[in-house]
Amino acid sequence: MPVFRLAPALADAFPDTLIALVTATGLRGREPWPRTAAALEDLEQQLAAGAWRPADETDPRIESWHTAYRSFGTNPRRVRPSVDALGRRLAKKGTLPRINPAVDSYNVVSVRHGLPAGAFDLDRVTGDVDIRPADGTESFTPLGEPDTVENPKPGEIVYADTTGVLTRHWNHRDAHRTRVTEDSTRVTFVLETLRATRDGALLKTAADELRGLLAPHAEGTTVHQLGPAQPRAAV
C-alpha cells in the first residue's frame, strides 16, 4: 500500500493543515448503496426546504482555501476549490451529480461539512503520494480529458505519485488516471482542512461519516490523519 507524505514546505506554509485519509478495500461499487442514496436525497430536501445551504466563500471553511489558492498563484474565483465548486453547483441546480456510489459518498460528505474531498484508485497509483509544491515539470491529465496533458505551475500545491500529478491546485481537480469508478476496489478518500485548530473535530466527524457510508460495501476500512505533526501515513 502506498505512503502518503506531507512535504515540509507545505507544512511550513500551511501549519494548521489536517488531512483525513479514509481507505476502503474490497469495495463493491456495482451493488446498491441505499445509505448514500438516502444521504443525497436528504441533503437536497433540506436545501429545497430552506433548512440548510452549502458553505460559500464568505464561510471561513471556504475562505481559508481561497486565501491558500491565492498564496500559490491560483485565482480561486476562476479555479475554485472542489468544495466551493460543488456547493455552488448544488445551490444553483438543487441536486448533486450522481457519478457512482463511492464518488457520490464523498461528494455528499464534502458539501455537508464544507470540506474539500477527493479519492484515488490505489490500483492506478504508482509508488507513494506526496502532497507538495509542484516544480513545473510534472504532467497532469484532467479527469474526463484523457487526451489532455497539462503542466502545473511551479509552487502550485499538488498531490503527485511517481508517474505524475493526481490533483491540481491542491484539490481543484483530480486526474483521469486515478479516477474512481464502479469497478475500483482499493480506494483512498481524502478530506481536508486548513483550520485544524478550529475544524479538526469537524474533519473527524466527516471522516467517520464517510467511513460509515463505505463500510457496508467494503471488506475493510481505515482512517489515518496527516498534518505537520504526523506528515506520513501508510494507507
Protein backbone atom coordinates (compact mmCIF):
# COMPACT_ATOMS: atom_id res chain seq x y z
CA MET A 1 0.00 0.00 0.00
CA PRO A 2 1.31 3.50 -0.77
CA VAL A 3 2.57 6.01 1.75
CA PHE A 4 1.05 9.50 1.73
CA ARG A 5 3.51 12.24 2.73
CA LEU A 6 3.05 15.92 3.57
CA ALA A 7 6.06 17.86 2.28
CA PRO A 8 7.93 20.04 4.81
CA ALA A 9 7.46 23.11 2.60
CA LEU A 10 3.69 22.61 2.66
CA ALA A 11 3.64 22.05 6.43
CA ASP A 12 5.64 25.24 6.93
CA ALA A 13 3.39 27.32 4.66
CA PHE A 14 0.12 25.88 5.99
CA PRO A 15 0.84 24.82 9.59
CA ASP A 16 -2.80 24.22 10.52
CA THR A 17 -3.36 21.67 7.74
CA LEU A 18 -5.05 18.40 8.64
CA ILE A 19 -5.93 15.70 6.12
CA ALA A 20 -8.02 12.59 6.77
CA LEU A 21 -7.25 9.54 4.63
CA VAL A 22 -10.16 7.10 4.56
CA THR A 23 -9.12 3.90 2.80
CA ALA A 24 -11.55 1.18 1.70
CA THR A 25 -10.52 -2.22 0.39
CA GLY A 26 -12.70 -4.81 -1.32
CA LEU A 27 -15.16 -2.14 -2.46
CA ARG A 28 -18.27 -3.36 -4.25
CA GLY A 29 -19.28 -0.44 -6.42
CA ARG A 30 -21.87 -2.19 -8.53
CA GLU A 31 -24.33 -3.06 -5.76
CA PRO A 32 -26.99 -0.66 -4.40
CA TRP A 33 -25.75 1.80 -1.75
CA PRO A 34 -29.05 2.81 -0.09
CA ARG A 35 -27.45 4.86 2.70
CA THR A 36 -25.60 7.03 0.21
CA ALA A 37 -28.73 7.47 -1.90
CA ALA A 38 -30.68 8.50 1.21
CA ALA A 39 -27.95 10.95 2.30
CA LEU A 40 -28.04 12.65 -1.10
CA GLU A 41 -31.81 12.92 -1.09
CA ASP A 42 -31.88 14.20 2.50
CA LEU A 43 -29.39 16.99 1.77
CA GLU A 44 -31.25 18.05 -1.37
CA GLN A 45 -34.55 18.09 0.55
CA GLN A 46 -33.02 20.24 3.29
CA LEU A 47 -31.82 22.69 0.64
CA ALA A 48 -35.23 22.79 -1.05
CA ALA A 49 -36.93 23.43 2.30
CA GLY A 50 -34.55 26.26 3.16
CA ALA A 51 -33.28 24.42 6.23
CA TRP A 52 -29.67 24.27 5.04
CA ARG A 53 -27.39 25.83 2.48
CA PRO A 54 -23.88 24.86 1.36
CA ALA A 55 -20.99 26.95 2.64
CA ASP A 56 -19.92 29.70 0.25
CA GLU A 57 -16.79 31.82 0.01
CA THR A 58 -17.87 34.02 2.94
CA ASP A 59 -17.66 30.97 5.21
CA PRO A 60 -14.27 30.62 6.99
CA ARG A 61 -14.02 26.99 5.83
CA ILE A 62 -14.11 28.10 2.18
CA GLU A 63 -12.38 31.46 2.68
CA SER A 64 -9.29 29.69 4.02
CA TRP A 65 -8.96 27.78 0.75
CA HIS A 66 -9.36 30.95 -1.31
CA THR A 67 -6.53 32.50 0.69
CA ALA A 68 -4.35 29.42 0.18
CA TYR A 69 -5.03 29.33 -3.56
CA ARG A 70 -4.01 32.98 -3.91
CA SER A 71 -0.80 32.29 -1.99
CA PHE A 72 0.38 29.86 -4.68
CA GLY A 73 -0.80 31.96 -7.59
CA THR A 74 -4.23 30.49 -8.38
CA ASN A 75 -7.29 32.72 -8.71
CA PRO A 76 -9.92 30.87 -6.61
CA ARG A 77 -12.82 32.54 -8.39
CA ARG A 78 -11.67 31.19 -11.74
CA VAL A 79 -10.27 27.89 -10.50
CA ARG A 80 -12.36 27.04 -7.46
CA PRO A 81 -11.58 24.68 -4.60
CA SER A 82 -13.57 21.49 -5.11
CA VAL A 83 -15.97 22.00 -2.19
CA ASP A 84 -16.67 25.57 -3.31
CA ALA A 85 -17.47 24.49 -6.87
CA LEU A 86 -19.62 21.59 -5.66
CA GLY A 87 -21.56 23.77 -3.22
CA ARG A 88 -22.21 26.40 -5.87
CA ARG A 89 -23.48 23.74 -8.25
CA LEU A 90 -25.79 22.33 -5.60
CA ALA A 91 -27.12 25.78 -4.66
CA LYS A 92 -27.85 26.57 -8.32
CA LYS A 93 -29.30 23.26 -9.51
CA GLY A 94 -30.76 21.90 -6.29
CA THR A 95 -29.17 18.49 -6.84
CA LEU A 96 -25.77 16.86 -6.61
CA PRO A 97 -24.42 14.87 -9.56
CA ARG A 98 -24.74 11.10 -9.45
CA ILE A 99 -21.44 9.61 -10.64
CA ASN A 100 -21.11 6.26 -8.88
CA PRO A 101 -21.75 5.24 -5.26
CA ALA A 102 -18.20 5.78 -3.99
CA VAL A 103 -17.85 9.23 -5.57
CA ASP A 104 -21.38 10.18 -4.53
CA SER A 105 -20.48 9.24 -0.95
CA TYR A 106 -17.54 11.60 -0.68
CA ASN A 107 -19.40 14.36 -2.53
CA VAL A 108 -22.28 14.38 -0.06
CA VAL A 109 -19.94 14.33 2.93
CA SER A 110 -17.81 17.09 1.41
CA VAL A 111 -20.63 19.52 0.77
CA ARG A 112 -22.46 18.71 4.01
CA HIS A 113 -19.43 19.64 6.10
CA GLY A 114 -17.83 22.28 3.87
CA LEU A 115 -14.58 20.33 3.46
CA PRO A 116 -12.79 19.51 0.19
CA ALA A 117 -12.78 15.82 -0.71
CA GLY A 118 -11.32 13.59 -3.38
CA ALA A 119 -10.35 9.98 -3.99
CA PHE A 120 -7.71 7.85 -5.71
CA ASP A 121 -7.97 4.33 -7.09
CA LEU A 122 -4.93 2.76 -5.43
CA ASP A 123 -4.56 0.18 -8.18
CA ARG A 124 -3.75 3.07 -10.53
CA VAL A 125 -1.38 4.90 -8.17
CA THR A 126 2.34 4.30 -8.76
CA GLY A 127 4.67 4.43 -5.76
CA ASP A 128 3.99 6.79 -2.90
CA VAL A 129 1.95 10.01 -2.91
CA ASP A 130 3.47 13.36 -1.95
CA ILE A 131 1.45 16.49 -1.20
CA ARG A 132 3.85 19.23 -2.17
CA PRO A 133 4.56 22.30 -4.29
CA ALA A 134 4.97 21.48 -7.97
CA ASP A 135 8.26 22.20 -9.70
CA GLY A 136 6.59 22.82 -13.07
CA THR A 137 7.95 19.76 -14.88
CA GLU A 138 5.19 17.36 -13.83
CA SER A 139 2.40 16.21 -16.14
CA PHE A 140 -1.32 16.08 -15.37
CA THR A 141 -4.23 14.66 -17.35
CA PRO A 142 -7.55 16.08 -16.08
CA LEU A 143 -10.48 13.87 -15.16
CA GLY A 144 -12.62 13.26 -18.24
CA GLU A 145 -9.94 14.53 -20.64
CA PRO A 146 -7.69 11.51 -21.30
CA ASP A 147 -6.01 13.14 -24.30
CA THR A 148 -5.07 16.38 -22.47
CA VAL A 149 -1.72 16.95 -20.78
CA GLU A 150 -1.10 19.96 -18.54
CA ASN A 151 1.88 21.14 -16.51
CA PRO A 152 1.17 22.62 -13.07
CA LYS A 153 2.77 25.96 -12.34
CA PRO A 154 5.86 25.97 -10.10
CA GLY A 155 4.74 26.38 -6.49
CA GLU A 156 1.20 25.15 -7.12
CA ILE A 157 0.21 22.60 -4.47
CA VAL A 158 -0.37 19.13 -5.93
CA TYR A 159 -0.78 15.50 -4.98
CA ALA A 160 1.76 13.54 -7.03
CA ASP A 161 2.95 9.95 -7.34
CA THR A 162 5.98 8.66 -9.25
CA THR A 163 4.17 8.92 -12.60
CA GLY A 164 2.59 12.35 -12.41
CA VAL A 165 0.15 14.70 -10.73
CA LEU A 166 -3.03 13.32 -9.16
CA THR A 167 -4.67 16.66 -8.32
CA ARG A 168 -4.04 20.23 -9.47
CA HIS A 169 -4.44 23.38 -7.39
CA TRP A 170 -4.39 21.21 -4.24
CA ASN A 171 -7.96 19.95 -4.63
CA HIS A 172 -9.49 21.68 -7.64
CA ARG A 173 -9.50 18.71 -10.00
CA ASP A 174 -8.47 15.05 -9.92
CA ALA A 175 -6.51 13.16 -12.55
CA HIS A 176 -8.10 10.86 -15.11
CA ARG A 177 -5.64 8.04 -14.43
CA THR A 178 -6.56 7.51 -10.77
CA ARG A 179 -10.29 8.25 -11.09
CA VAL A 180 -12.67 6.14 -9.01
CA THR A 181 -15.14 4.02 -10.97
CA GLU A 182 -17.73 1.37 -10.09
CA ASP A 183 -15.00 -1.22 -10.57
CA SER A 184 -12.46 0.37 -8.21
CA THR A 185 -11.81 -1.96 -5.27
CA ARG A 186 -8.98 -0.23 -3.35
CA VAL A 187 -9.57 3.47 -2.82
CA THR A 188 -8.18 6.18 -0.57
CA PHE A 189 -10.59 9.05 0.04
CA VAL A 190 -9.23 12.41 1.18
CA LEU A 191 -10.89 15.09 3.34
CA GLU A 192 -9.00 18.31 4.11
CA THR A 193 -9.00 21.39 6.30
CA LEU A 194 -6.57 24.29 6.63
CA ARG A 195 -8.05 25.16 10.04
CA ALA A 196 -7.33 22.11 12.19
CA THR A 197 -7.32 24.10 15.41
CA ARG A 198 -10.93 25.07 14.81
CA ASP A 199 -12.21 22.36 12.47
CA GLY A 200 -10.27 19.26 13.49
CA ALA A 201 -13.33 17.79 15.20
CA LEU A 202 -15.43 18.55 12.12
CA LEU A 203 -12.90 16.72 9.96
CA LYS A 204 -13.08 13.68 12.25
CA THR A 205 -16.88 13.72 12.11
CA ALA A 206 -16.81 13.91 8.31
CA ALA A 207 -14.27 11.08 8.05
CA ASP A 208 -16.37 8.90 10.36
CA GLU A 209 -19.49 9.68 8.31
CA LEU A 210 -17.74 8.77 5.07
CA ARG A 211 -16.39 5.58 6.60
CA GLY A 212 -19.93 4.70 7.67
CA LEU A 213 -21.18 5.05 4.09
CA LEU A 214 -18.33 2.94 2.72
CA ALA A 215 -18.17 0.17 5.31
CA PRO A 216 -21.31 -1.80 4.27
CA HIS A 217 -19.82 -2.13 0.78
CA ALA A 218 -16.18 -2.90 1.65
CA GLU A 219 -14.17 -5.71 3.16
CA GLY A 220 -12.28 -3.23 5.33
CA THR A 221 -11.90 0.48 6.08
CA THR A 222 -9.26 2.51 7.90
CA VAL A 223 -8.76 6.17 8.77
CA HIS A 224 -5.39 7.94 9.07
CA GLN A 225 -4.54 11.61 9.57
CA LEU A 226 -1.81 13.71 8.04
CA GLY A 227 -0.56 17.00 9.42
CA PRO A 228 2.68 18.79 10.30
CA ALA A 229 2.98 16.72 13.48
CA GLN A 230 2.37 13.47 11.61
CA PRO A 231 3.44 14.04 7.99
CA ARG A 232 3.46 10.41 6.85
CA ALA A 233 0.85 7.64 6.75
CA ALA A 234 0.88 4.22 5.09
CA VAL A 235 -2.65 3.51 3.93
